[in-house]
Amino acid sequence: MLAIWVKARIKREERQRFLQAIEVDARGSERDEPGCLRSNVLRDAQDENIYYFYEVYKDQAALDGPIEVKRCQPILPADRAYWGKP
């Protein structure tokens, strides 16, 4: 088996929209993906804007593709105002 743990911070004003969408996605993963054994969404006990996704798959072949996480820093557009910071 293969387990995946993902942490995501959401915008407070988008919480309801996020919860509606992620419920559909989580239920659909278990129902529609034969190798998906579990798809859970958890909320952080100290910060209601942090969520964790816990998924368990039968094996690597059950995933749509390889898992690769990359952290990136945006560089363009260079104007800080574009990114919402003064």
PDB file of N, CA and C in Angstrom:
ATOM      1  N   MET A   1       0.835  -1.182   0.000  1.00  0.00           N
ATOM      2  CA  MET A   1       0.000   0.000   0.000  1.00  0.00           C
ATOM      3  C   MET A   1       0.879   1.243   0.000  1.00  0.00           C
ATOM      4  N   LEU A   2       0.251   2.343  -0.387  1.00  0.00           N
ATOM      5  CA  LEU A   2       0.937   3.626  -0.459  1.00  0.00           C
ATOM      6  C   LEU A   2       0.046   4.683   0.180  1.00  0.00           C
ATOM      7  N   ALA A   3       0.594   5.459   1.117  1.00  0.00           N
ATOM      8  CA  ALA A   3      -0.174   6.511   1.781  1.00  0.00           C
ATOM      9  C   ALA A   3       0.399   7.875   1.430  1.00  0.00           C
ATOM     10  N   ILE A   4      -0.490   8.851   1.297  1.00  0.00           N
ATOM     11  CA  ILE A   4      -0.098  10.217   0.967  1.00  0.00           C
ATOM     12  C   ILE A   4      -0.693  11.150   2.014  1.00  0.00           C
ATOM     13  N   TRP A   5       0.117  12.090   2.495  1.00  0.00           N
ATOM     14  CA  TRP A   5      -0.312  13.082   3.486  1.00  0.00           C
ATOM     15  C   TRP A   5       0.018  14.452   2.909  1.00  0.00           C
ATOM     16  N   VAL A   6      -0.992  15.302   2.746  1.00  0.00           N
ATOM     17  CA  VAL A   6      -0.805  16.626   2.165  1.00  0.00           C
ATOM     18  C   VAL A   6      -1.399  17.668   3.108  1.00  0.00           C
ATOM     19  N   LYS A   7      -0.679  18.761   3.290  1.00  0.00           N
ATOM     20  CA  LYS A   7      -1.158  19.877   4.107  1.00  0.00           C
ATOM     21  C   LYS A   7      -1.477  21.042   3.186  1.00  0.00           C
ATOM     22  N   ALA A   8      -2.631  21.672   3.411  1.00  0.00           N
ATOM     23  CA  ALA A   8      -3.021  22.822   2.600  1.00  0.00           C
ATOM     24  C   ALA A   8      -3.610  23.910   3.488  1.00  0.00           C
ATOM     25  N   ARG A   9      -3.226  25.147   3.223  1.00  0.00           N
ATOM     26  CA  ARG A   9      -3.818  26.291   3.908  1.00  0.00           C
ATOM     27  C   ARG A   9      -4.780  26.949   2.928  1.00  0.00           C
ATOM     28  N   ILE A  10      -5.991  27.199   3.403  1.00  0.00           N
ATOM     29  CA  ILE A  10      -6.986  27.816   2.532  1.00  0.00           C
ATOM     30  C   ILE A  10      -7.300  29.224   3.025  1.00  0.00           C
ATOM     31  N   LYS A  11      -7.899  30.012   2.140  1.00  0.00           N
ATOM     32  CA  LYS A  11      -8.322  31.357   2.515  1.00  0.00           C
ATOM     33  C   LYS A  11      -9.623  31.261   3.299  1.00  0.00           C
ATOM     34  N   ARG A  12      -9.691  31.997   4.378  1.00  0.00           N
ATOM     35  CA  ARG A  12     -10.869  31.960   5.253  1.00  0.00           C
ATOM     36  C   ARG A  12     -12.166  32.211   4.483  1.00  0.00           C
ATOM     37  N   GLU A  13     -12.137  33.192   3.598  1.00  0.00           N
ATOM     38  CA  GLU A  13     -13.347  33.555   2.854  1.00  0.00           C
ATOM     39  C   GLU A  13     -13.740  32.503   1.810  1.00  0.00           C
ATOM     40  N   GLU A  14     -12.866  31.564   1.546  1.00  0.00           N
ATOM     41  CA  GLU A  14     -13.148  30.510   0.571  1.00  0.00           C
ATOM     42  C   GLU A  14     -13.478  29.172   1.228  1.00  0.00           C
ATOM     43  N   ARG A  15     -13.554  29.148   2.564  1.00  0.00           N
ATOM     44  CA  ARG A  15     -13.705  27.893   3.301  1.00  0.00           C
ATOM     45  C   ARG A  15     -14.919  27.083   2.854  1.00  0.00           C
ATOM     46  N   GLN A  16     -16.085  27.692   2.785  1.00  0.00           N
ATOM     47  CA  GLN A  16     -17.295  26.941   2.416  1.00  0.00           C
ATOM     48  C   GLN A  16     -17.199  26.365   1.011  1.00  0.00           C
ATOM     49  N   ARG A  17     -16.710  27.160   0.090  1.00  0.00           N
ATOM     50  CA  ARG A  17     -16.550  26.683  -1.285  1.00  0.00           C
ATOM     51  C   ARG A  17     -15.543  25.535  -1.331  1.00  0.00           C
ATOM     52  N   PHE A  18     -14.454  25.667  -0.591  1.00  0.00           N
ATOM     53  CA  PHE A  18     -13.444  24.608  -0.511  1.00  0.00           C
ATOM     54  C   PHE A  18     -14.047  23.321   0.039  1.00  0.00           C
ATOM     55  N   LEU A  19     -14.774  23.425   1.152  1.00  0.00           N
ATOM     56  CA  LEU A  19     -15.342  22.231   1.784  1.00  0.00           C
ATOM     57  C   LEU A  19     -16.334  21.518   0.868  1.00  0.00           C
ATOM     58  N   GLN A  20     -17.128  22.269   0.142  1.00  0.00           N
ATOM     59  CA  GLN A  20     -18.077  21.649  -0.789  1.00  0.00           C
ATOM     60  C   GLN A  20     -17.333  20.906  -1.898  1.00  0.00           C
ATOM     61  N   ALA A  21     -16.319  21.547  -2.434  1.00  0.00           N
ATOM     62  CA  ALA A  21     -15.572  20.930  -3.539  1.00  0.00           C
ATOM     63  C   ALA A  21     -14.764  19.717  -3.064  1.00  0.00           C
ATOM     64  N   ILE A  22     -14.131  19.821  -1.902  1.00  0.00           N
ATOM     65  CA  ILE A  22     -13.266  18.730  -1.455  1.00  0.00           C
ATOM     66  C   ILE A  22     -14.085  17.517  -1.027  1.00  0.00           C
ATOM     67  N   GLU A  23     -15.301  17.732  -0.553  1.00  0.00           N
ATOM     68  CA  GLU A  23     -16.151  16.586  -0.200  1.00  0.00           C
ATOM     69  C   GLU A  23     -16.491  15.777  -1.446  1.00  0.00           C
ATOM     70  N   VAL A  24     -16.833  16.473  -2.515  1.00  0.00           N
ATOM     71  CA  VAL A  24     -17.127  15.789  -3.781  1.00  0.00           C
ATOM     72  C   VAL A  24     -15.895  15.029  -4.261  1.00  0.00           C
ATOM     73  N   ASP A  25     -14.744  15.670  -4.159  1.00  0.00           N
ATOM     74  CA  ASP A  25     -13.511  15.044  -4.627  1.00  0.00           C
ATOM     75  C   ASP A  25     -13.148  13.811  -3.788  1.00  0.00           C
ATOM     76  N   ALA A  26     -13.217  13.945  -2.467  1.00  0.00           N
ATOM     77  CA  ALA A  26     -12.841  12.825  -1.588  1.00  0.00           C
ATOM     78  C   ALA A  26     -13.774  11.634  -1.772  1.00  0.00           C
ATOM     79  N   ARG A  27     -15.067  11.893  -1.809  1.00  0.00           N
ATOM     80  CA  ARG A  27     -16.021  10.787  -2.006  1.00  0.00           C
ATOM     81  C   ARG A  27     -15.835  10.149  -3.379  1.00  0.00           C
ATOM     82  N   GLY A  28     -15.597  10.981  -4.372  1.00  0.00           N
ATOM     83  CA  GLY A  28     -15.395  10.478  -5.727  1.00  0.00           C
ATOM     84  C   GLY A  28     -14.142   9.634  -5.850  1.00  0.00           C
ATOM     85  N   SER A  29     -13.099  10.005  -5.118  1.00  0.00           N
ATOM     86  CA  SER A  29     -11.853   9.232  -5.175  1.00  0.00           C
ATOM     87  C   SER A  29     -12.083   7.807  -4.703  1.00  0.00           C
ATOM     88  N   GLU A  30     -12.755   7.648  -3.571  1.00  0.00           N
ATOM     89  CA  GLU A  30     -13.009   6.299  -3.050  1.00  0.00           C
ATOM     90  C   GLU A  30     -13.992   5.531  -3.930  1.00  0.00           C
ATOM     91  N   ARG A  31     -14.952   6.230  -4.485  1.00  0.00           N
ATOM     92  CA  ARG A  31     -15.986   5.567  -5.284  1.00  0.00           C
ATOM     93  C   ARG A  31     -15.496   5.228  -6.698  1.00  0.00           C
ATOM     94  N   ASP A  32     -14.755   6.152  -7.318  1.00  0.00           N
ATOM     95  CA  ASP A  32     -14.447   6.028  -8.742  1.00  0.00           C
ATOM     96  C   ASP A  32     -13.034   5.543  -9.063  1.00  0.00           C
ATOM     97  N   GLU A  33     -12.139   5.565  -8.094  1.00  0.00           N
ATOM     98  CA  GLU A  33     -10.774   5.124  -8.347  1.00  0.00           C
ATOM     99  C   GLU A  33     -10.594   3.745  -7.703  1.00  0.00           C
ATOM    100  N   PRO A  34     -10.534   2.695  -8.510  1.00  0.00           N
ATOM    101  CA  PRO A  34     -10.484   1.331  -7.975  1.00  0.00           C
ATOM    102  C   PRO A  34      -9.373   1.087  -6.961  1.00  0.00           C
ATOM    103  N   GLY A  35      -8.223   1.734  -7.111  1.00  0.00           N
ATOM    104  CA  GLY A  35      -7.107   1.497  -6.201  1.00  0.00           C
ATOM    105  C   GLY A  35      -7.065   2.430  -5.010  1.00  0.00           C
ATOM    106  N   CYS A  36      -8.023   3.362  -4.909  1.00  0.00           N
ATOM    107  CA  CYS A  36      -8.048   4.288  -3.778  1.00  0.00           C
ATOM    108  C   CYS A  36      -8.832   3.644  -2.636  1.00  0.00           C
ATOM    109  N   LEU A  37      -8.129   3.321  -1.572  1.00  0.00           N
ATOM    110  CA  LEU A  37      -8.747   2.645  -0.442  1.00  0.00           C
ATOM    111  C   LEU A  37      -9.306   3.620   0.588  1.00  0.00           C
ATOM    112  N   ARG A  38      -8.738   4.825   0.639  1.00  0.00           N
ATOM    113  CA  ARG A  38      -9.173   5.811   1.627  1.00  0.00           C
ATOM    114  C   ARG A  38      -8.835   7.206   1.116  1.00  0.00           C
ATOM    115  N   SER A  39      -9.755   8.137   1.339  1.00  0.00           N
ATOM    116  CA  SER A  39      -9.516   9.538   1.005  1.00  0.00           C
ATOM    117  C   SER A  39     -10.189  10.376   2.089  1.00  0.00           C
ATOM    118  N   ASN A  40      -9.378  10.818   3.055  1.00  0.00           N
ATOM    119  CA  ASN A  40      -9.908  11.572   4.192  1.00  0.00           C
ATOM    120  C   ASN A  40      -9.440  13.017   4.152  1.00  0.00           C
ATOM    121  N   VAL A  41     -10.296  13.906   4.657  1.00  0.00           N
ATOM    122  CA  VAL A  41      -9.949  15.313   4.801  1.00  0.00           C
ATOM    123  C   VAL A  41     -10.056  15.639   6.285  1.00  0.00           C
ATOM    124  N   LEU A  42      -9.002  16.210   6.824  1.00  0.00           N
ATOM    125  CA  LEU A  42      -8.957  16.536   8.250  1.00  0.00           C
ATOM    126  C   LEU A  42      -8.681  18.027   8.421  1.00  0.00           C
ATOM    127  N   ARG A  43      -9.246  18.627   9.455  1.00  0.00           N
ATOM    128  CA  ARG A  43      -8.987  20.028   9.758  1.00  0.00           C
ATOM    129  C   ARG A  43      -8.069  20.118  10.975  1.00  0.00           C
ATOM    130  N   ASP A  44      -7.115  21.013  10.907  1.00  0.00           N
ATOM    131  CA  ASP A  44      -6.196  21.242  12.005  1.00  0.00           C
ATOM    132  C   ASP A  44      -6.967  21.705  13.243  1.00  0.00           C
ATOM    133  N   ALA A  45      -6.611  21.189  14.401  1.00  0.00           N
ATOM    134  CA  ALA A  45      -7.327  21.521  15.633  1.00  0.00           C
ATOM    135  C   ALA A  45      -7.042  22.948  16.115  1.00  0.00           C
ATOM    136  N   GLN A  46      -5.903  23.515  15.747  1.00  0.00           N
ATOM    137  CA  GLN A  46      -5.559  24.866  16.182  1.00  0.00           C
ATOM    138  C   GLN A  46      -5.839  25.943  15.136  1.00  0.00           C
ATOM    139  N   ASP A  47      -5.918  25.571  13.876  1.00  0.00           N
ATOM    140  CA  ASP A  47      -6.103  26.560  12.802  1.00  0.00           C
ATOM    141  C   ASP A  47      -7.138  26.029  11.810  1.00  0.00           C
ATOM    142  N   GLU A  48      -8.323  26.623  11.814  1.00  0.00           N
ATOM    143  CA  GLU A  48      -9.407  26.114  10.967  1.00  0.00           C
ATOM    144  C   GLU A  48      -9.202  26.391   9.481  1.00  0.00           C
ATOM    145  N   ASN A  49      -8.115  27.032   9.128  1.00  0.00           N
ATOM    146  CA  ASN A  49      -7.812  27.268   7.717  1.00  0.00           C
ATOM    147  C   ASN A  49      -6.729  26.322   7.189  1.00  0.00           C
ATOM    148  N   ILE A  50      -6.328  25.369   8.016  1.00  0.00           N
ATOM    149  CA  ILE A  50      -5.355  24.362   7.576  1.00  0.00           C
ATOM    150  C   ILE A  50      -6.062  23.011   7.511  1.00  0.00           C
ATOM    151  N   TYR A  51      -5.892  22.353   6.389  1.00  0.00           N
ATOM    152  CA  TYR A  51      -6.507  21.047   6.159  1.00  0.00           C
ATOM    153  C   TYR A  51      -5.440  20.052   5.742  1.00  0.00           C
ATOM    154  N   TYR A  52      -5.703  18.808   6.065  1.00  0.00           N
ATOM    155  CA  TYR A  52      -4.806  17.721   5.702  1.00  0.00           C
ATOM    156  C   TYR A  52      -5.595  16.709   4.864  1.00  0.00           C
ATOM    157  N   PHE A  53      -4.941  16.188   3.867  1.00  0.00           N
ATOM    158  CA  PHE A  53      -5.541  15.153   3.028  1.00  0.00           C
ATOM    159  C   PHE A  53      -4.743  13.883   3.265  1.00  0.00           C
ATOM    160  N   TYR A  54      -5.451  12.833   3.607  1.00  0.00           N
ATOM    161  CA  TYR A  54      -4.818  11.537   3.844  1.00  0.00           C
ATOM    162  C   TYR A  54      -5.449  10.549   2.887  1.00  0.00           C
ATOM    163  N   GLU A  55      -4.623  10.001   2.007  1.00  0.00           N
ATOM    164  CA  GLU A  55      -5.120   9.051   1.015  1.00  0.00           C
ATOM    165  C   GLU A  55      -4.278   7.779   1.074  1.00  0.00           C
ATOM    166  N   VAL A  56      -4.951   6.668   0.901  1.00  0.00           N
ATOM    167  CA  VAL A  56      -4.258   5.383   0.865  1.00  0.00           C
ATOM    168  C   VAL A  56      -4.641   4.693  -0.443  1.00  0.00           C
ATOM    169  N   TYR A  57      -3.626   4.211  -1.129  1.00  0.00           N
ATOM    170  CA  TYR A  57      -3.824   3.525  -2.399  1.00  0.00           C
ATOM    171  C   TYR A  57      -3.309   2.098  -2.304  1.00  0.00           C
ATOM    172  N   LYS A  58      -3.896   1.266  -3.101  1.00  0.00           N
ATOM    173  CA  LYS A  58      -3.531  -0.155  -3.132  1.00  0.00           C
ATOM    174  C   LYS A  58      -2.042  -0.324  -3.431  1.00  0.00           C
ATOM    175  N   ASP A  59      -1.565   0.428  -4.418  1.00  0.00           N
ATOM    176  CA  ASP A  59      -0.158   0.374  -4.804  1.00  0.00           C
ATOM    177  C   ASP A  59       0.165   1.565  -5.687  1.00  0.00           C
ATOM    178  N   GLN A  60       1.400   1.678  -6.102  1.00  0.00           N
ATOM    179  CA  GLN A  60       1.841   2.797  -6.944  1.00  0.00           C
ATOM    180  C   GLN A  60       1.059   2.844  -8.260  1.00  0.00           C
ATOM    181  N   ALA A  61       0.713   1.716  -8.798  1.00  0.00           N
ATOM    182  CA  ALA A  61      -0.023   1.665 -10.062  1.00  0.00           C
ATOM    183  C   ALA A  61      -1.424   2.264  -9.937  1.00  0.00           C
ATOM    184  N   ALA A  62      -1.969   2.331  -8.724  1.00  0.00           N
ATOM    185  CA  ALA A  62      -3.307   2.876  -8.521  1.00  0.00           C
ATOM    186  C   ALA A  62      -3.338   4.399  -8.639  1.00  0.00           C
ATOM    187  N   LEU A  63      -2.191   5.032  -8.577  1.00  0.00           N
ATOM    188  CA  LEU A  63      -2.128   6.489  -8.743  1.00  0.00           C
ATOM    189  C   LEU A  63      -2.215   6.842 -10.217  1.00  0.00           C
ATOM    190  N   ASP A  64      -2.680   8.043 -10.503  1.00  0.00           N
ATOM    191  CA  ASP A  64      -2.757   8.495 -11.903  1.00  0.00           C
ATOM    192  C   ASP A  64      -1.374   8.720 -12.486  1.00  0.00           C
ATOM    193  N   GLY A  65      -0.411   8.926 -11.635  1.00  0.00           N
ATOM    194  CA  GLY A  65       0.956   9.177 -12.075  1.00  0.00           C
ATOM    195  C   GLY A  65       1.854   9.272 -10.861  1.00  0.00           C
ATOM    196  N   PRO A  66       3.125   9.516 -11.089  1.00  0.00           N
ATOM    197  CA  PRO A  66       4.045   9.604  -9.958  1.00  0.00           C
ATOM    198  C   PRO A  66       3.752  10.842  -9.112  1.00  0.00           C
ATOM    199  N   ILE A  67       4.027  10.749  -7.824  1.00  0.00           N
ATOM    200  CA  ILE A  67       3.837  11.870  -6.918  1.00  0.00           C
ATOM    201  C   ILE A  67       5.128  12.662  -6.875  1.00  0.00           C
ATOM    202  N   GLU A  68       5.001  13.943  -7.101  1.00  0.00           N
ATOM    203  CA  GLU A  68       6.168  14.809  -7.048  1.00  0.00           C
ATOM    204  C   GLU A  68       5.722  16.149  -6.491  1.00  0.00           C
ATOM    205  N   VAL A  69       6.315  16.556  -5.405  1.00  0.00           N
ATOM    206  CA  VAL A  69       5.985  17.822  -4.775  1.00  0.00           C
ATOM    207  C   VAL A  69       7.138  18.784  -4.983  1.00  0.00           C
ATOM    208  N   LYS A  70       6.829  19.969  -5.468  1.00  0.00           N
ATOM    209  CA  LYS A  70       7.830  21.005  -5.689  1.00  0.00           C
ATOM    210  C   LYS A  70       7.340  22.297  -5.061  1.00  0.00           C
ATOM    211  N   ARG A  71       8.195  22.957  -4.330  1.00  0.00           N
ATOM    212  CA  ARG A  71       7.892  24.287  -3.818  1.00  0.00           C
ATOM    213  C   ARG A  71       8.548  25.276  -4.768  1.00  0.00           C
ATOM    214  N   CYS A  72       7.769  26.281  -5.156  1.00  0.00           N
ATOM    215  CA  CYS A  72       8.269  27.256  -6.120  1.00  0.00           C
ATOM    216  C   CYS A  72       8.083  28.668  -5.581  1.00  0.00           C
ATOM    217  N   GLN A  73       8.894  29.556  -6.067  1.00  0.00           N
ATOM    218  CA  GLN A  73       8.783  30.959  -5.723  1.00  0.00           C
ATOM    219  C   GLN A  73       8.446  31.715  -7.001  1.00  0.00           C
ATOM    220  N   PRO A  74       7.308  32.411  -7.025  1.00  0.00           N
ATOM    221  CA  PRO A  74       6.948  33.151  -8.234  1.00  0.00           C
ATOM    222  C   PRO A  74       7.919  34.304  -8.479  1.00  0.00           C
ATOM    223  N   ILE A  75       8.291  34.485  -9.748  1.00  0.00           N
ATOM    224  CA  ILE A  75       9.205  35.573 -10.093  1.00  0.00           C
ATOM    225  C   ILE A  75       8.612  36.530 -11.129  1.00  0.00           C
ATOM    226  N   LEU A  76       7.666  36.086 -11.906  1.00  0.00           N
ATOM    227  CA  LEU A  76       7.032  36.954 -12.903  1.00  0.00           C
ATOM    228  C   LEU A  76       5.523  36.829 -12.804  1.00  0.00           C
ATOM    229  N   PRO A  77       4.803  37.884 -12.878  1.00  0.00           N
ATOM    230  CA  PRO A  77       5.261  39.253 -12.990  1.00  0.00           C
ATOM    231  C   PRO A  77       6.001  39.703 -11.734  1.00  0.00           C
ATOM    232  N   ALA A  78       6.988  40.547 -11.913  1.00  0.00           N
ATOM    233  CA  ALA A  78       7.846  40.982 -10.818  1.00  0.00           C
ATOM    234  C   ALA A  78       7.187  42.037  -9.932  1.00  0.00           C
ATOM    235  N   ASP A  79       6.155  42.674 -10.410  1.00  0.00           N
ATOM    236  CA  ASP A  79       5.463  43.712  -9.643  1.00  0.00           C
ATOM    237  C   ASP A  79       4.812  43.098  -8.417  1.00  0.00           C
ATOM    238  N   ARG A  80       5.266  43.470  -7.218  1.00  0.00           N
ATOM    239  CA  ARG A  80       4.755  42.892  -5.971  1.00  0.00           C
ATOM    240  C   ARG A  80       3.254  43.142  -5.795  1.00  0.00           C
ATOM    241  N   ALA A  81       2.765  44.240  -6.325  1.00  0.00           N
ATOM    242  CA  ALA A  81       1.335  44.551  -6.199  1.00  0.00           C
ATOM    243  C   ALA A  81       0.488  43.483  -6.888  1.00  0.00           C
ATOM    244  N   TYR A  82       1.000  42.901  -7.941  1.00  0.00           N
ATOM    245  CA  TYR A  82       0.294  41.834  -8.647  1.00  0.00           C
ATOM    246  C   TYR A  82       0.019  40.665  -7.705  1.00  0.00           C
ATOM    247  N   TRP A  83       0.961  40.371  -6.831  1.00  0.00           N
ATOM    248  CA  TRP A  83       0.848  39.238  -5.910  1.00  0.00           C
ATOM    249  C   TRP A  83       0.152  39.601  -4.620  1.00  0.00           C
ATOM    250  N   GLY A  84      -0.348  40.835  -4.514  1.00  0.00           N
ATOM    251  CA  GLY A  84      -1.128  41.226  -3.350  1.00  0.00           C
ATOM    252  C   GLY A  84      -0.305  41.694  -2.166  1.00  0.00           C
ATOM    253  N   LYS A  85       0.963  42.011  -2.405  1.00  0.00           N
ATOM    254  CA  LYS A  85       1.813  42.525  -1.329  1.00  0.00           C
ATOM    255  C   LYS A  85       2.307  43.914  -1.725  1.00  0.00           C
ATOM    256  N   PRO A  86       2.203  44.838  -0.787  1.00  0.00           N
ATOM    257  CA  PRO A  86       2.655  46.217  -1.103  1.00  0.00           C
ATOM    258  C   PRO A  86       4.146  46.316  -1.275  1.00  0.00           C
TER     259      PRO A  86
END
